[in-house]
Amino acid sequence: MTSRDFTIHIEDEELDDLRRRLELTRWPKPIEGVRWEQGTDIAWMRDLCHFWTDAFDWRAQERYLNSFPHQMVNIGGLDIHFIHARGRGPRPIPLVLTHGWPSTFYEFHKVIGPLTDPAAHGGDPVDSFDVVVPSLPGYGFSEAPQQPGINTDRIGDLWVELMDTLGYERFAAHGGDWGSAVTGGLGTNHPDKMLALHFTMVSPQFDPSMLEGDARAWWDDVQRYRDQEWGYVHLQRTKPQTPAFALTDSPVGLAAWILEKWWRWSDCVDEAGERDPLNVYSREDLLTMVSLYWFTQTIGPSMRLYYESFGPGSRFTIPKRIGVPTGVTTFRDPNAPPRELIEPWFDLRYYATVDRGGHFPALENPGAVVEELRTFFRPFR
């Protein structure tokens, strides 16, 4: 297997079609006094979509995206897209960064430069990495699986094949959200291939009836949070195909579905107590992320990963303790468990908390993510 260079290019006809659909949007009627309580704020979304229609420059974003070294390789019968940026230092560590949902490879665009070329960003060249950022199958420019069975464990298998194709016999891995599950699968199923693992999100197994003290309080809070916020999980793990019709057809519907999660999961509350993604992200960041889903028509297959991984048709594997050296950095994410629940399941060598950044820390607080990865992986060089 050999990889080939890949250039992102969206045809003019697709840009025209997007603008037409945005202009013809049929908007829901607002409810007096209701903003985000029942879902995406209608006024906020109208403002963002006016910007999408009239001011967002996809071609500028496309040029920026193509400043990274994109490649494509066929592994496991699927064309997998990835960025492969080589480090500038004496002995770069090969490092796979895996994104989650509703995200794309773009989540890591701010950390690739500092990780590959520390000296150019105020760091020590000894801390350099060869960075590989794949797009999950069915996300972005990676081909969507046409057969069932591509769950997070299988994706870990694909990443081992990918890294072998690039000439890396052993490598390090980092992830959050689905990237955490894929990284955990690498540690469980391919420990001989792994140098070390780093997570910004982990989901250890435990018996809730046995929890006490702070752990009990955390779990009670999580249950209240999930009761309010996890409707999407039940839908996507049971009937992902149904919402895919609407979200593939309406760019505003797609943006509303995706960005409601960025509103809720991001650390974006300002001093006045107002939660707004624009407190943390630029409009260009948000719309580039949504546009990648729109142009590649991948919202359907991206949601299907929930069905494949823990839906009615999935084959759930009882997790084992991961013996690969592990580091965990938690940010302001309500799902982040306390350390005492993590330690039994990992060879935990490093644990830290960062008080700024939420579910997408590589975009929210990229400097902290870079420093955490440099610090944790330094002993394994």
Protein backbone atom coordinates (compact mmCIF):
# COMPACT_ATOMS: atom_id res chain seq x y z
CA MET A 1 0.00 0.00 0.00
CA THR A 2 1.22 3.47 -0.84
CA SER A 3 -0.29 6.82 -0.01
CA ARG A 4 -0.93 9.54 -2.54
CA ASP A 5 -1.08 13.30 -2.28
CA PHE A 6 -4.53 14.82 -1.93
CA THR A 7 -5.76 18.36 -2.56
CA ILE A 8 -9.07 19.69 -1.27
CA HIS A 9 -11.14 21.27 -4.02
CA ILE A 10 -14.87 21.90 -3.95
CA GLU A 11 -16.43 22.60 -7.33
CA ASP A 12 -18.01 25.99 -8.03
CA GLU A 13 -21.35 24.27 -8.67
CA GLU A 14 -21.37 22.99 -5.09
CA LEU A 15 -20.64 26.45 -3.70
CA ASP A 16 -23.48 27.88 -5.79
CA ASP A 17 -25.82 25.14 -4.63
CA LEU A 18 -24.98 25.81 -0.98
CA ARG A 19 -25.67 29.53 -1.37
CA ARG A 20 -28.99 28.81 -3.08
CA ARG A 21 -30.08 26.46 -0.30
CA LEU A 22 -29.09 28.98 2.36
CA GLU A 23 -31.08 31.71 0.65
CA LEU A 24 -34.17 29.47 0.37
CA THR A 25 -34.13 28.35 4.01
CA ARG A 26 -37.54 28.00 5.65
CA TRP A 27 -36.94 29.17 9.20
CA PRO A 28 -38.83 27.89 12.25
CA LYS A 29 -40.89 30.47 14.11
CA PRO A 30 -39.21 31.68 17.31
CA ILE A 31 -40.86 31.22 20.69
CA GLU A 32 -40.96 34.27 22.91
CA GLY A 33 -38.29 34.16 25.61
CA VAL A 34 -36.73 30.90 24.35
CA ARG A 35 -33.11 30.88 23.19
CA TRP A 36 -31.01 27.71 23.61
CA GLU A 37 -33.23 25.96 26.15
CA GLN A 38 -35.04 23.84 23.54
CA GLY A 39 -32.19 23.53 21.04
CA THR A 40 -30.26 25.85 18.78
CA ASP A 41 -31.11 29.54 19.19
CA ILE A 42 -33.00 30.61 16.05
CA ALA A 43 -31.79 34.22 16.06
CA TRP A 44 -28.18 33.14 16.64
CA MET A 45 -28.40 30.66 13.77
CA ARG A 46 -29.96 33.20 11.41
CA ASP A 47 -27.12 35.61 12.11
CA LEU A 48 -24.47 32.94 11.52
CA CYS A 49 -26.12 31.75 8.31
CA HIS A 50 -26.35 35.30 6.96
CA PHE A 51 -22.58 35.41 7.45
CA TRP A 52 -22.28 31.97 5.78
CA THR A 53 -24.23 33.25 2.76
CA ASP A 54 -22.75 36.72 2.37
CA ALA A 55 -19.30 36.85 3.97
CA PHE A 56 -17.82 33.39 4.50
CA ASP A 57 -15.00 32.76 2.02
CA TRP A 58 -14.71 29.02 1.45
CA ARG A 59 -11.94 29.48 -1.10
CA ALA A 60 -9.79 31.23 1.51
CA GLN A 61 -10.43 28.40 3.96
CA GLU A 62 -9.68 25.87 1.24
CA ARG A 63 -6.32 27.51 0.54
CA TYR A 64 -5.51 27.43 4.24
CA LEU A 65 -6.51 23.78 4.56
CA ASN A 66 -4.31 22.91 1.59
CA SER A 67 -1.33 24.47 3.35
CA PHE A 68 -1.20 21.20 5.30
CA PRO A 69 0.21 18.04 3.66
CA HIS A 70 -2.89 15.97 2.88
CA GLN A 71 -2.71 12.40 1.68
CA MET A 72 -5.02 9.52 0.87
CA VAL A 73 -4.45 5.78 1.25
CA ASN A 74 -6.62 2.74 0.67
CA ILE A 75 -6.65 0.51 3.74
CA GLY A 76 -9.22 -2.09 4.67
CA GLY A 77 -10.96 -1.40 1.38
CA LEU A 78 -11.56 2.26 2.28
CA ASP A 79 -9.92 5.44 1.04
CA ILE A 80 -8.71 7.13 4.22
CA HIS A 81 -7.79 10.80 4.24
CA PHE A 82 -5.10 12.10 6.58
CA ILE A 83 -2.62 14.88 7.19
CA HIS A 84 0.99 13.75 7.58
CA ALA A 85 3.21 16.55 8.87
CA ARG A 86 6.80 15.56 9.62
CA GLY A 87 8.56 16.90 12.68
CA ARG A 88 11.56 19.21 12.69
CA GLY A 89 13.74 17.94 15.48
CA PRO A 90 16.37 15.30 16.24
CA ARG A 91 14.04 12.31 16.83
CA PRO A 92 10.36 13.11 16.29
CA ILE A 93 7.84 10.77 17.88
CA PRO A 94 5.15 9.55 15.46
CA LEU A 95 1.82 10.68 16.92
CA VAL A 96 -1.73 9.97 15.71
CA LEU A 97 -4.35 12.56 16.66
CA THR A 98 -7.92 11.24 16.33
CA HIS A 99 -10.93 13.55 16.33
CA GLY A 100 -14.50 12.81 17.37
CA TRP A 101 -18.09 13.87 16.61
CA PRO A 102 -19.32 16.35 15.52
CA SER A 103 -15.81 17.29 14.53
CA THR A 104 -13.27 16.67 11.77
CA PHE A 105 -9.52 16.68 11.23
CA TYR A 106 -9.83 20.49 11.28
CA GLU A 107 -10.11 20.37 15.07
CA PHE A 108 -6.32 19.93 15.24
CA HIS A 109 -5.25 22.61 12.77
CA LYS A 110 -3.92 24.92 15.52
CA VAL A 111 -1.69 22.30 17.17
CA ILE A 112 -0.03 20.70 14.11
CA GLY A 113 2.56 23.47 13.67
CA PRO A 114 3.67 23.68 17.33
CA LEU A 115 3.83 19.89 17.63
CA THR A 116 5.87 19.34 14.47
CA ASP A 117 8.13 22.39 14.73
CA PRO A 118 8.48 23.40 18.39
CA ALA A 119 11.43 25.73 17.76
CA ALA A 120 9.31 27.90 15.47
CA HIS A 121 6.73 28.23 18.24
CA GLY A 122 8.93 28.99 21.23
CA GLY A 123 9.65 25.38 22.18
CA ASP A 124 12.50 22.89 22.22
CA PRO A 125 13.08 20.98 18.94
CA VAL A 126 13.66 17.85 21.05
CA ASP A 127 9.88 17.82 21.64
CA SER A 128 8.98 17.45 17.96
CA PHE A 129 6.44 14.94 16.60
CA ASP A 130 5.64 13.44 13.25
CA VAL A 131 1.93 14.24 13.32
CA VAL A 132 -0.67 12.11 11.56
CA VAL A 133 -4.27 13.36 11.65
CA PRO A 134 -6.65 10.89 9.97
CA SER A 135 -10.28 11.53 9.18
CA LEU A 136 -12.44 8.83 10.72
CA PRO A 137 -14.12 6.58 8.11
CA GLY A 138 -17.24 8.37 6.91
CA TYR A 139 -16.02 11.74 8.15
CA GLY A 140 -14.68 14.52 5.94
CA PHE A 141 -12.77 13.18 2.98
CA SER A 142 -12.46 9.59 4.24
CA GLU A 143 -14.68 7.14 2.42
CA ALA A 144 -17.85 6.07 4.20
CA PRO A 145 -18.11 2.33 4.95
CA GLN A 146 -20.68 0.56 2.81
CA GLN A 147 -20.70 -2.54 4.99
CA PRO A 148 -21.53 -2.83 8.70
CA GLY A 149 -18.91 -3.52 11.34
CA ILE A 150 -16.65 -0.44 11.25
CA ASN A 151 -16.64 0.43 14.95
CA THR A 152 -13.96 2.14 17.01
CA ASP A 153 -11.94 -1.06 17.51
CA ARG A 154 -11.88 -1.66 13.77
CA ILE A 155 -10.82 1.94 13.18
CA GLY A 156 -7.88 1.33 15.54
CA ASP A 157 -6.92 -1.62 13.32
CA LEU A 158 -7.02 0.71 10.31
CA TRP A 159 -4.77 3.22 12.07
CA VAL A 160 -2.18 0.49 12.68
CA GLU A 161 -2.26 -0.31 8.95
CA LEU A 162 -2.00 3.38 8.13
CA MET A 163 1.02 3.91 10.34
CA ASP A 164 2.66 0.76 9.00
CA THR A 165 2.17 2.13 5.48
CA LEU A 166 3.95 5.31 6.56
CA GLY A 167 6.84 3.29 7.97
CA TYR A 168 6.10 3.59 11.70
CA GLU A 169 6.41 0.28 13.55
CA ARG A 170 5.45 1.88 16.87
CA PHE A 171 3.72 5.16 17.55
CA ALA A 172 1.92 7.29 20.13
CA ALA A 173 -1.77 8.19 20.09
CA HIS A 174 -4.00 10.95 21.41
CA GLY A 175 -7.75 11.48 21.30
CA GLY A 176 -10.96 12.73 22.82
CA ASP A 177 -14.59 11.81 22.14
CA TRP A 178 -14.54 9.03 19.49
CA GLY A 179 -10.82 9.65 19.29
CA SER A 180 -10.64 8.48 22.88
CA ALA A 181 -12.44 5.24 22.03
CA VAL A 182 -10.16 4.64 19.05
CA THR A 183 -7.08 5.39 21.15
CA GLY A 184 -8.33 3.01 23.84
CA GLY A 185 -8.84 0.34 21.18
CA LEU A 186 -5.25 0.81 20.06
CA GLY A 187 -4.07 0.27 23.62
CA THR A 188 -6.28 -2.78 24.12
CA ASN A 189 -5.77 -4.54 20.80
CA HIS A 190 -2.32 -3.36 19.68
CA PRO A 191 -0.25 -2.70 22.83
CA ASP A 192 2.92 -3.87 21.07
CA LYS A 193 2.51 -1.07 18.53
CA MET A 194 2.04 1.70 21.06
CA LEU A 195 4.65 3.92 22.71
CA ALA A 196 2.11 5.60 24.99
CA LEU A 197 -1.46 6.92 24.98
CA HIS A 198 -2.88 10.32 25.87
CA PHE A 199 -6.55 11.14 26.38
CA THR A 200 -8.61 14.26 26.96
CA MET A 201 -11.67 12.09 27.60
CA VAL A 202 -11.98 8.60 29.07
CA SER A 203 -15.00 6.44 29.90
CA PRO A 204 -13.92 3.81 32.44
CA GLN A 205 -16.24 0.99 33.50
CA PHE A 206 -17.58 0.99 37.06
CA ASP A 207 -20.55 -0.10 39.14
CA PRO A 208 -22.53 3.08 39.99
CA SER A 209 -24.02 1.42 43.08
CA MET A 210 -20.54 1.19 44.59
CA LEU A 211 -19.68 4.90 44.23
CA GLU A 212 -19.27 7.09 47.29
CA GLY A 213 -18.27 10.64 48.15
CA ASP A 214 -16.98 12.83 45.31
CA ALA A 215 -17.32 10.01 42.79
CA ARG A 216 -20.99 9.57 43.73
CA ALA A 217 -21.62 13.31 43.43
CA TRP A 218 -19.92 13.36 40.02
CA TRP A 219 -22.02 10.46 38.76
CA ASP A 220 -25.27 12.06 39.96
CA ASP A 221 -24.34 15.25 38.10
CA VAL A 222 -23.54 13.24 34.97
CA GLN A 223 -26.91 11.51 35.11
CA ARG A 224 -28.72 14.86 35.32
CA TYR A 225 -26.61 16.19 32.46
CA ARG A 226 -27.29 13.17 30.24
CA ASP A 227 -31.01 13.32 30.92
CA GLN A 228 -31.03 16.83 29.47
CA GLU A 229 -28.39 16.47 26.75
CA TRP A 230 -28.21 12.89 25.45
CA GLY A 231 -31.29 12.68 23.25
CA TYR A 232 -28.98 12.79 20.24
CA VAL A 233 -27.09 9.71 21.51
CA HIS A 234 -30.23 7.59 21.67
CA LEU A 235 -31.29 8.71 18.19
CA GLN A 236 -27.88 8.21 16.59
CA ARG A 237 -27.27 4.81 18.18
CA THR A 238 -30.68 3.50 17.10
CA LYS A 239 -31.93 5.29 13.96
CA PRO A 240 -29.08 7.36 12.44
CA GLN A 241 -30.39 6.96 8.91
CA THR A 242 -33.62 8.90 9.52
CA PRO A 243 -32.14 12.30 10.51
CA ALA A 244 -29.53 11.87 7.77
CA PHE A 245 -32.18 12.65 5.12
CA ALA A 246 -32.90 16.10 6.55
CA LEU A 247 -29.36 16.97 7.58
CA THR A 248 -27.90 15.99 4.21
CA ASP A 249 -30.49 18.15 2.44
CA SER A 250 -30.50 21.32 4.55
CA PRO A 251 -27.28 23.20 5.36
CA VAL A 252 -29.03 25.21 8.08
CA GLY A 253 -30.45 22.05 9.60
CA LEU A 254 -26.99 20.50 9.52
CA ALA A 255 -25.42 23.56 11.17
CA ALA A 256 -28.12 23.65 13.86
CA TRP A 257 -27.61 19.94 14.66
CA ILE A 258 -23.83 20.23 14.87
CA LEU A 259 -23.39 23.63 16.50
CA GLU A 260 -25.85 23.02 19.31
CA LYS A 261 -23.26 20.52 20.54
CA TRP A 262 -20.45 23.04 20.14
CA TRP A 263 -22.56 25.49 22.16
CA ARG A 264 -23.16 23.02 24.97
CA TRP A 265 -19.84 21.16 25.08
CA SER A 266 -17.44 24.08 24.72
CA ASP A 267 -16.08 26.20 27.55
CA CYS A 268 -17.71 29.30 26.10
CA VAL A 269 -19.40 31.12 28.99
CA ASP A 270 -18.39 34.78 29.23
CA GLU A 271 -18.09 36.96 32.34
CA ALA A 272 -21.77 37.85 32.13
CA GLY A 273 -22.72 34.18 32.24
CA GLU A 274 -23.71 34.06 28.57
CA ARG A 275 -22.90 30.80 26.76
CA ASP A 276 -21.99 31.48 23.14
CA PRO A 277 -19.60 29.54 20.86
CA LEU A 278 -18.47 32.87 19.42
CA ASN A 279 -16.88 33.63 22.79
CA VAL A 280 -14.30 30.95 21.90
CA TYR A 281 -14.40 30.28 18.16
CA SER A 282 -14.43 32.49 15.10
CA ARG A 283 -17.32 32.26 12.65
CA GLU A 284 -14.78 30.91 10.16
CA ASP A 285 -13.84 28.06 12.50
CA LEU A 286 -17.46 27.03 13.06
CA LEU A 287 -18.47 27.32 9.41
CA THR A 288 -15.38 25.54 8.12
CA MET A 289 -16.25 22.61 10.40
CA VAL A 290 -19.88 22.54 9.22
CA SER A 291 -18.90 23.08 5.58
CA LEU A 292 -16.63 20.05 5.68
CA TYR A 293 -19.64 17.95 6.70
CA TRP A 294 -21.83 19.62 4.09
CA PHE A 295 -19.55 19.33 1.05
CA THR A 296 -18.56 15.73 1.80
CA GLN A 297 -22.15 14.67 2.68
CA THR A 298 -20.85 12.79 5.70
CA ILE A 299 -23.29 13.65 8.49
CA GLY A 300 -25.13 10.35 7.89
CA PRO A 301 -22.12 8.04 8.04
CA SER A 302 -20.63 10.06 10.92
CA MET A 303 -23.75 9.40 13.01
CA ARG A 304 -23.70 5.74 12.01
CA LEU A 305 -20.54 5.27 14.09
CA TYR A 306 -22.82 5.47 17.16
CA TYR A 307 -24.89 2.58 15.84
CA GLU A 308 -21.83 0.52 14.99
CA SER A 309 -20.09 1.13 18.30
CA PHE A 310 -22.86 0.77 20.86
CA GLY A 311 -26.18 0.49 19.05
CA PRO A 312 -28.51 -2.52 18.70
CA GLY A 313 -26.39 -3.88 15.87
CA SER A 314 -23.04 -3.51 17.62
CA ARG A 315 -20.85 -6.13 19.21
CA PHE A 316 -19.79 -4.64 22.51
CA THR A 317 -16.48 -5.93 23.84
CA ILE A 318 -16.01 -5.81 27.60
CA PRO A 319 -12.96 -3.54 28.03
CA LYS A 320 -9.78 -4.77 29.64
CA ARG A 321 -7.23 -2.86 31.64
CA ILE A 322 -4.86 -1.10 29.25
CA GLY A 323 -1.23 -1.78 30.11
CA VAL A 324 0.23 0.84 27.77
CA PRO A 325 1.64 3.92 29.59
CA THR A 326 -1.19 6.44 29.70
CA GLY A 327 -1.64 10.12 30.32
CA VAL A 328 -4.96 11.88 30.92
CA THR A 329 -5.61 15.61 30.79
CA THR A 330 -9.13 16.67 31.70
CA PHE A 331 -10.67 19.95 30.65
CA ARG A 332 -14.02 21.50 31.57
CA ASP A 333 -16.14 18.62 30.31
CA PRO A 334 -19.05 17.34 32.43
CA ASN A 335 -18.34 13.76 31.38
CA ALA A 336 -14.77 13.80 32.76
CA PRO A 337 -14.60 11.20 35.57
CA PRO A 338 -12.52 11.64 38.73
CA ARG A 339 -9.05 10.15 38.80
CA GLU A 340 -10.03 7.35 41.20
CA LEU A 341 -12.31 5.84 38.54
CA ILE A 342 -9.65 6.07 35.82
CA GLU A 343 -6.68 4.51 37.59
CA PRO A 344 -7.93 0.89 37.78
CA TRP A 345 -8.26 0.72 33.99
CA PHE A 346 -4.96 2.22 32.82
CA ASP A 347 -1.24 2.22 33.48
CA LEU A 348 -1.70 5.85 34.48
CA ARG A 349 1.64 7.67 34.41
CA TYR A 350 0.30 11.23 34.19
CA TYR A 351 -2.89 13.06 35.19
CA ALA A 352 -3.63 16.77 34.96
CA THR A 353 -6.58 19.13 34.91
CA VAL A 354 -6.78 22.33 32.87
CA ASP A 355 -9.32 24.96 33.83
CA ARG A 356 -9.85 26.48 30.38
CA GLY A 357 -11.23 24.55 27.45
CA GLY A 358 -14.06 22.10 27.01
CA HIS A 359 -14.83 19.14 24.78
CA PHE A 360 -12.77 20.44 21.83
CA PRO A 361 -9.62 21.61 23.63
CA ALA A 362 -7.33 21.59 20.60
CA LEU A 363 -9.43 24.43 19.18
CA GLU A 364 -10.43 26.06 22.48
CA ASN A 365 -7.04 26.05 24.21
CA PRO A 366 -4.45 24.75 21.72
CA GLY A 367 -1.48 26.02 23.72
CA ALA A 368 -2.46 23.88 26.70
CA VAL A 369 -2.98 20.79 24.53
CA VAL A 370 0.45 21.24 22.94
CA GLU A 371 2.14 21.66 26.31
CA GLU A 372 0.33 18.65 27.79
CA LEU A 373 1.37 16.42 24.89
CA ARG A 374 4.98 17.62 25.05
CA THR A 375 5.11 17.06 28.81
CA PHE A 376 3.50 13.63 28.85
CA PHE A 377 5.38 12.11 25.92
CA ARG A 378 8.80 13.54 26.86
CA PRO A 379 9.85 10.49 28.97
CA PHE A 380 9.08 8.12 26.08
CA ARG A 381 11.50 9.65 23.61
